[in-house]
Protein backbone atom coordinates (compact mmCIF):
# COMPACT_ATOMS: atom_id res chain seq x y z
CA MET A 1 30.41 29.41 -34.97
CA SER A 2 27.18 31.30 -35.49
CA THR A 3 24.41 30.48 -33.00
CA ILE A 4 21.64 32.28 -34.89
CA ASP A 5 19.91 31.37 -38.14
CA TYR A 6 19.76 34.87 -39.58
CA SER A 7 17.30 34.11 -42.35
CA SER A 8 14.58 32.66 -40.08
CA ALA A 9 15.24 33.56 -36.42
CA ILE A 10 15.84 37.24 -37.17
CA PRO A 11 13.94 38.26 -40.32
CA ASN A 12 15.73 41.28 -41.74
CA ASN A 13 16.46 43.37 -44.79
CA VAL A 14 19.83 44.71 -43.57
CA ASN A 15 22.00 41.89 -44.96
CA LEU A 16 22.60 40.58 -41.46
CA ALA A 17 23.96 37.22 -42.61
CA GLU A 18 26.88 38.97 -44.37
CA ASP A 19 27.78 41.40 -41.57
CA ARG A 20 30.12 39.45 -39.28
CA THR A 21 30.78 42.34 -36.89
CA LEU A 22 27.07 42.94 -36.35
CA GLN A 23 26.48 39.20 -36.01
CA ARG A 24 28.95 38.98 -33.15
CA ALA A 25 27.42 41.98 -31.41
CA LEU A 26 23.87 40.61 -31.68
CA GLU A 27 24.94 37.10 -30.68
CA GLN A 28 26.16 38.58 -27.40
CA TRP A 29 23.09 40.79 -26.97
CA GLN A 30 20.35 38.30 -27.90
CA PRO A 31 20.73 35.95 -24.87
CA ASN A 32 20.60 38.95 -22.55
CA TYR A 33 17.48 40.14 -24.35
CA LEU A 34 15.80 36.75 -23.91
CA ASN A 35 16.78 36.74 -20.23
CA TRP A 36 15.21 40.19 -19.90
CA TRP A 37 12.05 38.98 -21.69
CA ASN A 38 11.75 35.95 -19.42
CA ASP A 39 12.29 38.11 -16.31
CA MET A 40 10.30 41.22 -17.27
CA GLY A 41 8.03 40.22 -20.15
CA PRO A 42 4.38 39.14 -19.81
CA ASP A 43 3.97 37.33 -16.50
CA GLY A 44 3.45 33.57 -16.67
CA SER A 45 3.04 33.48 -20.44
CA ARG A 46 6.17 31.68 -21.56
CA ASP A 47 4.45 28.50 -22.75
CA PHE A 48 1.30 30.00 -24.26
CA ASP A 49 0.61 29.61 -27.97
CA VAL A 50 -0.50 33.08 -29.09
CA TYR A 51 -2.06 34.06 -32.40
CA LEU A 52 0.39 36.81 -33.33
CA ARG A 53 1.32 38.90 -36.33
CA THR A 54 4.99 38.68 -37.28
CA ALA A 55 6.81 41.03 -39.64
CA THR A 56 8.92 39.05 -42.12
CA SER A 57 9.50 41.82 -44.68
CA VAL A 58 8.54 45.43 -45.34
CA ASP A 59 6.13 44.75 -48.20
CA PRO A 60 2.38 44.55 -47.45
CA GLN A 61 2.36 40.74 -47.67
CA GLY A 62 5.37 40.27 -45.44
CA TRP A 63 4.71 42.44 -42.44
CA ALA A 64 1.44 40.76 -41.42
CA GLN A 65 2.05 37.01 -41.16
CA PHE A 66 -0.42 35.54 -38.63
CA GLY A 67 0.01 32.29 -36.74
CA TYR A 68 0.46 30.70 -33.34
CA VAL A 69 3.81 31.22 -31.66
CA LYS A 70 5.27 31.02 -28.17
CA MET A 71 6.40 34.52 -27.32
CA PRO A 72 10.01 33.68 -26.34
CA GLU A 73 10.28 32.10 -29.82
CA TYR A 74 8.85 35.16 -31.59
CA ARG A 75 10.99 36.23 -34.54
CA TRP A 76 12.01 39.77 -33.65
CA GLY A 77 13.20 41.18 -36.94
CA ILE A 78 15.23 44.16 -38.11
CA PHE A 79 13.63 46.16 -40.91
CA LEU A 80 14.28 49.46 -42.62
CA ASN A 81 11.91 50.99 -45.12
CA PRO A 82 13.28 50.76 -48.68
CA ALA A 83 15.96 53.34 -49.41
CA GLU A 84 14.95 56.46 -51.29
CA LYS A 85 17.38 56.96 -54.16
CA GLU A 86 19.58 60.04 -53.70
CA ARG A 87 17.56 61.18 -50.71
CA LYS A 88 18.29 64.77 -49.68
CA ILE A 89 18.14 66.45 -46.29
CA HIS A 90 15.00 68.58 -46.43
CA PHE A 91 15.21 70.81 -43.34
CA GLY A 92 17.72 72.58 -41.15
CA ASP A 93 21.08 74.08 -41.95
CA HIS A 94 22.10 71.09 -44.12
CA MET A 95 19.01 71.29 -46.34
CA GLY A 96 19.70 70.16 -49.89
CA GLU A 97 22.73 68.04 -48.98
CA ASN A 98 22.74 64.26 -49.36
CA ALA A 99 21.22 62.34 -46.46
CA TRP A 100 23.83 60.71 -44.22
CA GLN A 101 24.40 56.97 -44.54
CA ASP A 102 26.86 57.03 -41.65
CA VAL A 103 26.97 59.05 -38.44
CA PRO A 104 28.83 62.36 -38.80
CA GLY A 105 31.37 62.66 -36.00
CA GLU A 106 30.06 66.01 -34.78
CA HIS A 107 26.55 64.58 -34.33
CA ARG A 108 27.54 61.21 -32.89
CA ALA A 109 26.72 61.94 -29.24
CA ASN A 110 23.38 63.58 -29.97
CA LEU A 111 22.21 60.89 -32.38
CA ARG A 112 23.15 58.23 -29.86
CA ARG A 113 21.20 60.08 -27.19
CA ILE A 114 18.12 60.33 -29.41
CA ILE A 115 18.22 56.63 -30.32
CA VAL A 116 18.79 55.52 -26.71
CA THR A 117 15.92 57.66 -25.41
CA GLN A 118 13.55 56.24 -28.03
CA GLY A 119 14.85 52.73 -27.47
CA ASP A 120 14.41 52.98 -23.71
CA THR A 121 10.63 53.51 -24.05
CA GLU A 122 10.16 50.16 -25.80
CA PRO A 123 11.17 47.70 -23.03
CA ALA A 124 9.78 50.14 -20.46
CA SER A 125 6.22 49.73 -21.71
CA VAL A 126 6.59 45.93 -21.67
CA GLU A 127 7.70 46.15 -18.05
CA GLN A 128 4.81 48.45 -17.17
CA GLN A 129 2.33 45.99 -18.66
CA ARG A 130 3.85 42.69 -17.56
CA HIS A 131 1.13 41.73 -15.04
CA LEU A 132 -1.89 42.75 -17.14
CA GLY A 133 -2.27 39.32 -18.74
CA LEU A 134 -3.35 37.94 -15.37
CA THR A 135 -6.50 40.10 -15.47
CA ALA A 136 -7.34 40.19 -19.20
CA PRO A 137 -11.06 40.76 -19.92
CA SER A 138 -11.04 38.31 -22.86
CA LEU A 139 -8.78 36.18 -25.05
CA TYR A 140 -9.12 38.85 -27.74
CA ASP A 141 -7.72 41.49 -25.37
CA LEU A 142 -5.04 39.15 -24.02
CA ARG A 143 -3.83 38.52 -27.55
CA ASN A 144 -3.78 42.26 -28.31
CA LEU A 145 -1.73 42.90 -25.18
CA PHE A 146 0.77 40.25 -26.24
CA GLN A 147 0.91 41.67 -29.79
CA VAL A 148 1.73 45.10 -28.39
CA ASN A 149 4.38 43.53 -26.14
CA VAL A 150 6.23 41.63 -28.87
CA GLU A 151 6.15 44.64 -31.18
CA GLU A 152 7.59 46.87 -28.47
CA GLY A 153 10.28 44.21 -28.22
CA ARG A 154 10.87 44.43 -31.98
CA HIS A 155 11.14 48.19 -31.74
CA LEU A 156 13.85 47.70 -29.13
CA TRP A 157 15.65 45.44 -31.59
CA ALA A 158 15.34 48.17 -34.22
CA MET A 159 17.05 50.73 -32.00
CA VAL A 160 19.70 48.28 -30.80
CA TYR A 161 20.51 47.45 -34.41
CA LEU A 162 21.31 51.12 -35.03
CA LEU A 163 23.41 51.31 -31.87
CA HIS A 164 25.39 48.19 -32.74
CA LYS A 165 25.76 48.96 -36.43
CA TYR A 166 26.78 52.61 -36.24
CA PHE A 167 28.11 53.41 -32.75
CA GLY A 168 30.76 50.78 -32.02
CA ARG A 169 31.63 50.01 -28.40
CA ASP A 170 29.56 52.94 -27.12
CA GLY A 171 26.54 51.56 -28.95
CA ARG A 172 27.04 48.06 -27.57
CA GLU A 173 27.27 49.43 -24.03
CA GLU A 174 24.11 51.46 -24.54
CA GLY A 175 22.37 48.35 -25.88
CA GLU A 176 23.23 46.47 -22.70
CA ALA A 177 22.05 49.38 -20.54
CA LEU A 178 18.65 49.26 -22.27
CA LEU A 179 18.21 45.80 -20.74
CA GLU A 180 19.43 46.86 -17.29
CA ARG A 181 17.14 49.79 -16.52
CA ARG A 182 13.74 48.94 -15.07
CA SER A 183 10.44 50.81 -15.18
CA GLY A 184 9.70 52.35 -11.80
CA GLN A 185 12.92 51.15 -10.19
CA GLN A 186 14.30 53.73 -7.80
CA ASP A 187 18.00 53.08 -8.39
CA ASN A 188 17.96 52.54 -12.18
CA PRO A 189 14.66 53.82 -13.64
CA ARG A 190 13.69 54.32 -17.26
CA ILE A 191 14.78 57.63 -18.80
CA LEU A 192 11.35 59.27 -19.22
CA GLN A 193 9.05 59.60 -16.22
CA ALA A 194 5.85 58.51 -18.01
CA PHE A 195 7.53 55.14 -18.52
CA ASN A 196 8.08 54.75 -14.79
CA GLU A 197 4.37 55.10 -14.01
CA PRO A 198 2.54 51.85 -13.19
CA THR A 199 -0.05 50.42 -15.57
CA PRO A 200 -2.07 48.54 -12.96
CA ASP A 201 -5.33 47.87 -14.78
CA TRP A 202 -6.82 47.53 -18.26
CA LEU A 203 -8.40 50.97 -18.31
CA SER A 204 -4.92 52.39 -17.71
CA PHE A 205 -3.58 50.13 -20.47
CA PHE A 206 -6.16 51.32 -22.99
CA MET A 207 -5.52 54.97 -22.07
CA PHE A 208 -1.76 54.36 -22.28
CA THR A 209 -1.94 52.78 -25.72
CA TYR A 210 -4.20 55.56 -26.98
CA PHE A 211 -2.34 58.54 -25.52
CA THR A 212 1.24 57.44 -24.79
CA ASP A 213 1.69 55.27 -27.87
CA ARG A 214 0.40 58.27 -29.81
CA ASP A 215 3.36 60.20 -28.41
CA GLY A 216 5.43 57.38 -29.89
CA LYS A 217 3.80 58.01 -33.24
CA PHE A 218 4.74 61.69 -33.19
CA GLN A 219 8.28 61.10 -31.98
CA LEU A 220 8.80 58.44 -34.64
CA CYS A 221 7.35 60.74 -37.31
CA ALA A 222 9.80 63.47 -36.29
CA LEU A 223 12.71 60.98 -36.40
CA ALA A 224 11.50 59.64 -39.76
CA GLU A 225 12.51 63.05 -41.20
CA SER A 226 16.09 62.68 -39.91
CA ALA A 227 19.09 63.41 -42.09
CA PHE A 228 20.58 60.16 -40.71
CA ASP A 229 18.97 57.89 -43.28
CA PRO A 230 19.13 54.56 -41.38
CA LEU A 231 17.25 56.16 -38.47
CA ALA A 232 14.64 57.67 -40.80
CA ARG A 233 14.07 54.36 -42.59
CA THR A 234 13.91 52.37 -39.34
CA THR A 235 11.34 54.62 -37.70
CA ARG A 236 9.15 54.73 -40.80
CA PHE A 237 8.69 50.97 -40.59
CA MET A 238 8.11 51.13 -36.83
CA LEU A 239 5.16 53.45 -37.51
CA THR A 240 3.42 50.62 -39.37
CA GLU A 241 3.22 48.66 -36.12
CA GLU A 242 2.58 51.66 -33.85
CA ALA A 243 -0.79 52.14 -35.57
CA HIS A 244 -2.04 48.86 -34.10
CA HIS A 245 -1.08 49.93 -30.58
CA MET A 246 -3.17 53.09 -30.90
CA PHE A 247 -6.05 51.03 -32.32
CA VAL A 248 -5.94 48.82 -29.23
CA GLY A 249 -6.24 51.91 -27.05
CA GLU A 250 -8.92 53.74 -28.98
CA SER A 251 -11.11 50.67 -29.54
CA GLY A 252 -10.56 49.49 -25.96
CA VAL A 253 -11.79 52.73 -24.41
CA SER A 254 -14.64 52.83 -26.93
CA ARG A 255 -15.76 49.35 -25.86
CA VAL A 256 -15.63 50.36 -22.17
CA ILE A 257 -17.81 53.38 -22.97
CA GLN A 258 -20.21 51.28 -25.03
CA ARG A 259 -20.76 48.83 -22.19
CA THR A 260 -21.18 51.62 -19.61
CA CYS A 261 -23.76 53.40 -21.78
CA GLN A 262 -25.63 50.14 -22.30
CA VAL A 263 -25.93 49.63 -18.52
CA MET A 264 -26.84 53.30 -18.00
CA ASN A 265 -29.78 52.87 -20.35
CA GLU A 266 -30.79 49.51 -18.91
CA LEU A 267 -30.86 50.93 -15.37
CA GLY A 268 -32.08 54.38 -16.39
CA THR A 269 -29.41 56.09 -14.29
CA GLU A 270 -26.29 58.26 -14.50
CA ASP A 271 -25.50 57.75 -10.80
CA PRO A 272 -21.84 56.62 -10.56
CA ALA A 273 -22.52 54.63 -7.39
CA LYS A 274 -25.33 52.63 -9.03
CA LEU A 275 -23.24 52.03 -12.14
CA ARG A 276 -20.28 50.87 -10.08
CA ALA A 277 -22.59 48.55 -8.18
CA ALA A 278 -23.61 47.12 -11.57
CA GLY A 279 -19.94 46.44 -12.34
CA VAL A 280 -19.18 49.03 -15.02
CA ILE A 281 -16.93 52.10 -15.08
CA ASP A 282 -18.86 55.36 -14.78
CA LEU A 283 -18.13 58.13 -17.28
CA PRO A 284 -16.75 60.67 -14.73
CA THR A 285 -14.13 58.09 -13.74
CA LEU A 286 -13.25 57.60 -17.40
CA GLN A 287 -12.80 61.38 -17.68
CA ARG A 288 -10.41 61.41 -14.71
CA TYR A 289 -8.33 58.61 -16.21
CA LEU A 290 -8.30 60.49 -19.52
CA ASN A 291 -7.11 63.66 -17.76
CA PHE A 292 -4.26 61.80 -16.08
CA HIS A 293 -2.92 59.95 -19.10
CA PHE A 294 -3.25 62.93 -21.42
CA SER A 295 -1.39 65.27 -19.06
CA VAL A 296 1.37 62.77 -18.26
CA THR A 297 1.86 62.09 -21.96
CA ILE A 298 2.12 65.69 -23.16
CA ASP A 299 4.96 66.15 -20.67
CA LEU A 300 6.90 63.62 -22.78
CA PHE A 301 7.41 66.27 -25.46
CA GLY A 302 9.73 68.15 -23.11
CA ALA A 303 10.08 71.78 -22.09
CA ASP A 304 8.20 74.38 -24.12
CA GLN A 305 11.50 76.14 -24.85
CA SER A 306 14.50 73.97 -25.59
CA SER A 307 17.92 74.78 -27.03
CA ASN A 308 18.40 71.05 -27.64
CA ALA A 309 15.28 70.92 -29.81
CA ALA A 310 16.60 73.88 -31.80
CA MET A 311 19.97 72.24 -32.24
CA PHE A 312 18.47 68.86 -33.22
CA TYR A 313 16.40 70.57 -35.92
CA SER A 314 19.09 72.88 -37.29
CA SER A 315 21.54 69.97 -37.40
CA GLY A 316 19.05 67.78 -39.30
CA LEU A 317 18.77 65.17 -36.57
CA LYS A 318 15.04 65.44 -35.88
CA GLY A 319 12.39 67.20 -37.95
CA ARG A 320 8.80 68.21 -37.34
CA TYR A 321 5.70 66.10 -37.79
CA GLU A 322 4.98 65.92 -41.53
CA GLU A 323 7.86 68.24 -42.31
CA GLY A 324 7.40 67.86 -46.05
CA LYS A 325 3.82 69.19 -45.95
CA ARG A 326 4.78 72.51 -44.34
CA TRP A 327 5.03 75.68 -46.39
CA ASP A 328 7.80 77.59 -44.61
CA ASP A 329 11.49 77.62 -45.49
CA HIS A 330 12.32 74.56 -43.32
CA ARG A 331 15.12 76.47 -41.63
CA LEU A 332 12.98 78.62 -39.31
CA HIS A 333 15.53 81.35 -38.63
CA GLY A 334 13.50 84.41 -37.67
CA ASP A 335 10.22 82.48 -37.35
CA SER A 336 8.29 82.61 -34.07
CA TYR A 337 5.74 80.54 -32.17
CA ARG A 338 3.41 81.22 -29.27
CA ILE A 339 3.83 79.36 -26.00
CA LEU A 340 1.97 79.63 -22.71
CA GLN A 341 3.28 81.15 -19.51
CA VAL A 342 1.71 82.29 -16.26
CA ARG A 343 1.32 86.02 -15.69
CA GLY A 344 -0.06 86.77 -12.27
CA ASP A 345 -3.06 84.54 -11.81
CA ALA A 346 -3.76 83.83 -15.49
CA LEU A 347 -2.28 82.08 -18.50
CA ALA A 348 -0.91 84.26 -21.29
CA GLU A 349 0.77 83.66 -24.63
CA GLN A 350 4.36 84.63 -25.28
CA GLU A 351 6.00 84.76 -28.69
CA VAL A 352 9.39 83.03 -28.83
CA PRO A 353 11.76 81.90 -31.60
CA MET A 354 10.21 78.88 -33.30
CA LEU A 355 13.47 76.93 -33.27
CA ASN A 356 13.43 77.03 -29.47
CA ALA A 357 9.71 76.11 -29.38
CA LEU A 358 9.82 72.96 -31.51
CA ASN A 359 8.85 70.72 -28.58
CA GLU A 360 5.73 72.86 -28.22
CA VAL A 361 5.04 72.66 -31.97
CA LEU A 362 5.13 68.84 -31.79
CA ARG A 363 3.03 68.85 -28.61
CA ASP A 364 0.35 70.99 -30.29
CA ASP A 365 0.32 68.67 -33.31
CA TYR A 366 -0.15 65.74 -30.93
CA ILE A 367 -2.99 67.45 -29.08
CA ARG A 368 -4.88 68.10 -32.32
CA ASP A 369 -4.50 64.44 -33.26
CA SER A 370 -5.58 63.19 -29.82
CA VAL A 371 -8.82 65.16 -29.90
CA GLY A 372 -10.01 63.13 -32.91
CA GLY A 373 -10.25 59.89 -30.98
CA VAL A 374 -11.99 61.57 -28.07
CA SER A 375 -14.58 62.87 -30.54
CA ARG A 376 -15.16 59.32 -31.74
CA TRP A 377 -15.65 58.17 -28.13
CA ASN A 378 -18.23 60.92 -27.72
CA LYS A 379 -20.13 59.62 -30.73
CA VAL A 380 -20.59 56.33 -28.89
CA ILE A 381 -22.08 58.22 -25.93
CA GLU A 382 -24.19 60.40 -28.21
CA LYS A 383 -25.52 57.36 -30.10
CA ALA A 384 -26.65 55.94 -26.75
CA GLY A 385 -28.67 59.11 -26.12
CA ILE A 386 -26.61 60.22 -23.13
CA GLY A 387 -25.70 63.88 -22.58
CA PHE A 388 -22.24 63.39 -21.01
CA ARG A 389 -19.19 64.33 -23.15
CA LEU A 390 -15.53 63.50 -22.63
CA SER A 391 -12.88 66.12 -23.35
CA THR A 392 -9.13 66.53 -23.26
CA PRO A 393 -8.06 68.90 -20.47
CA HIS A 394 -6.27 72.18 -21.12
CA LYS A 395 -2.62 71.61 -21.98
CA ALA A 396 -1.52 73.53 -18.87
CA PHE A 397 -3.37 71.06 -16.61
CA HIS A 398 -1.28 68.81 -14.31
CA ARG A 399 2.05 69.62 -15.94
CA ASN A 400 5.48 68.73 -14.56
CA ILE A 401 7.75 69.87 -17.39
CA GLY A 402 8.71 73.34 -18.62
CA SER A 403 7.39 76.74 -17.59
CA LEU A 404 4.01 75.25 -16.58
CA ALA A 405 5.51 72.70 -14.20
CA GLY A 406 3.70 72.70 -10.90
CA VAL A 407 1.29 75.50 -11.85
CA LYS A 408 -2.19 74.72 -10.55
CA VAL A 409 -4.51 74.86 -13.55
CA SER A 410 -8.02 73.42 -13.83
CA PRO A 411 -9.01 71.17 -16.77
CA ASP A 412 -10.78 74.15 -18.37
CA GLY A 413 -7.62 76.29 -18.24
CA ARG A 414 -8.09 78.48 -15.15
CA VAL A 415 -5.13 79.15 -12.86
CA VAL A 416 -6.46 78.12 -9.44
CA SER A 417 -5.28 78.47 -5.87
CA GLU A 418 -3.68 75.66 -3.90
CA GLN A 419 -6.89 75.59 -1.85
CA GLU A 420 -9.15 75.11 -4.89
CA TRP A 421 -6.79 72.54 -6.38
CA SER A 422 -6.80 70.52 -3.15
CA ALA A 423 -10.59 70.73 -2.94
CA LYS A 424 -11.24 69.64 -6.54
CA VAL A 425 -8.30 67.45 -7.57
CA GLY A 426 -10.41 64.39 -6.74
CA GLU A 427 -12.88 65.52 -9.43
CA TRP A 428 -10.10 65.98 -11.96
CA LEU A 429 -7.65 63.11 -11.47
CA PRO A 430 -8.17 59.47 -10.46
CA THR A 431 -8.42 59.04 -6.70
CA PRO A 432 -7.14 56.01 -4.78
CA SER A 433 -10.76 54.87 -4.48
CA ASP A 434 -11.21 55.21 -8.27
CA ARG A 435 -8.16 53.04 -8.86
CA ALA A 436 -9.25 50.54 -6.22
CA PHE A 437 -12.68 50.26 -7.84
CA VAL A 438 -11.27 49.75 -11.35
CA THR A 439 -8.83 47.19 -9.95
CA SER A 440 -11.73 45.36 -8.31
CA LEU A 441 -13.29 44.78 -11.75
CA MET A 442 -10.18 43.15 -13.13
CA GLY A 443 -10.59 39.39 -13.39
CA ARG A 444 -9.28 37.09 -16.08
CA VAL A 445 -11.80 35.87 -18.67
CA VAL A 446 -10.29 33.17 -20.88
CA GLU A 447 -13.27 31.31 -22.35
CA PRO A 448 -13.32 31.94 -26.12
CA GLY A 449 -16.01 34.44 -27.09
CA LYS A 450 -16.63 35.59 -23.50
CA TYR A 451 -15.93 39.10 -22.17
CA ALA A 452 -15.74 40.71 -18.74
CA ASN A 453 -18.90 42.53 -17.66
CA TRP A 454 -17.28 45.99 -17.85
CA ILE A 455 -16.34 45.91 -21.54
CA ALA A 456 -18.25 45.28 -24.79
CA PRO A 457 -17.05 42.77 -27.41
CA PRO A 458 -15.17 44.14 -30.44
CA MET A 459 -16.92 44.74 -33.73
CA VAL A 460 -14.72 42.25 -35.63
CA GLY A 461 -12.07 39.68 -34.78
CA ILE A 462 -8.35 39.91 -35.47
CA ASN A 463 -7.53 38.98 -39.06
CA ARG A 464 -11.28 38.38 -39.63
CA GLN A 465 -11.39 35.51 -37.14
CA PRO A 466 -14.78 34.51 -35.65
CA MET A 467 -15.83 36.04 -32.33
CA ASP A 468 -15.20 32.80 -30.41
CA PHE A 469 -11.72 32.27 -31.87
CA GLU A 470 -9.13 30.83 -29.48
CA TYR A 471 -6.52 33.61 -29.69
CA VAL A 472 -4.42 32.18 -26.86
CA ARG A 473 -3.92 28.50 -26.14
CA PHE A 474 -2.82 27.75 -22.59
CA ASN A 475 -0.45 24.78 -22.26
């Protein structure tokens, strides 16, 4: 007998109520998911009523239903973008053929690997952020954290649906494993290292959602080009929700900057010690946090030369960002791309086959996109009449993947000695004292309309709610 009301408990557009095999698989997986959520989801939040957005369909009216809900009762749905009639593969060696509605046998292992790696990032970020609710700077921010958390949970459901629907027993086993790994756990960590890093404070959270969720955007965009149509349609809908996560990051950092600049002008000082004494985060510390999260995130794109990336593209499994807007032949045989390598004591460009450099192509697209938000942060500083400017570090800075792994490079792109690196790393990356100071500012503010001293209020409320709206009700 079915234990799940498929029309209400799991909103979907995949005909779940008629698919008995998938029903059985999800009925076994769902209790384990809820156990994982209760163990590893937001700490101490099980009974809160949270003003959340729930996706109930893929149309504009259906994917933004707002209302109070207890998070363990959130309706995690399964949605694919509407099918494109007679969709064709538009890159790689299969270009012009019909998109795949099922998994070709020869690509089964690689598609499963791609889906599992993407799926593993979703619960990982929830685990990384599980304690942040205890130190939220406002109800507005607490609600945004919880919205990010439940949507990462829905993205896990999206990937598990594909595993269960198209990969049989192997897919079911992978779905279980997604609930067994733990962020930062030594014996069974998450697949990608950035998702094993702690997110101990709200500045880290805002940087993570700006930079690392932006990696998610670019990975999802590349998968949205896939010849495997169910994957392409699933990731296109996920992108709708990913935009909010990046908004939380960009606006969060902007509000931190705004408050810092306000105090700088009130006190007439740029002295970090005086600003810290006043309870705000000085701009050099913000720059160090930016440097860390940017560099850790660009490692997520993988090695600068990769035979796997070439094979994924040629096979039609994973395209480039905005593949359809590019003016080449979409096969790339004979095309080249420039990557960085170290020659002596300097960085130099090397031309390599583009198919092997597709990780670097996606990384460079990401970097260009990231710079835009940093420019908007600088406008806040400029508007306050302050001369300081934030910047993204050189892409060779603090790298641990590919040919640049372990090379000592300054934020401005100079190859430096071990001695110089050791002398200046405290100016370039967050120090233990930086992290301790930021942690010392973290204290929960839960009175509606009130905000912690180190962050400015938002410009507008969620879903046009008033500034003193009670986004979270504690029971």
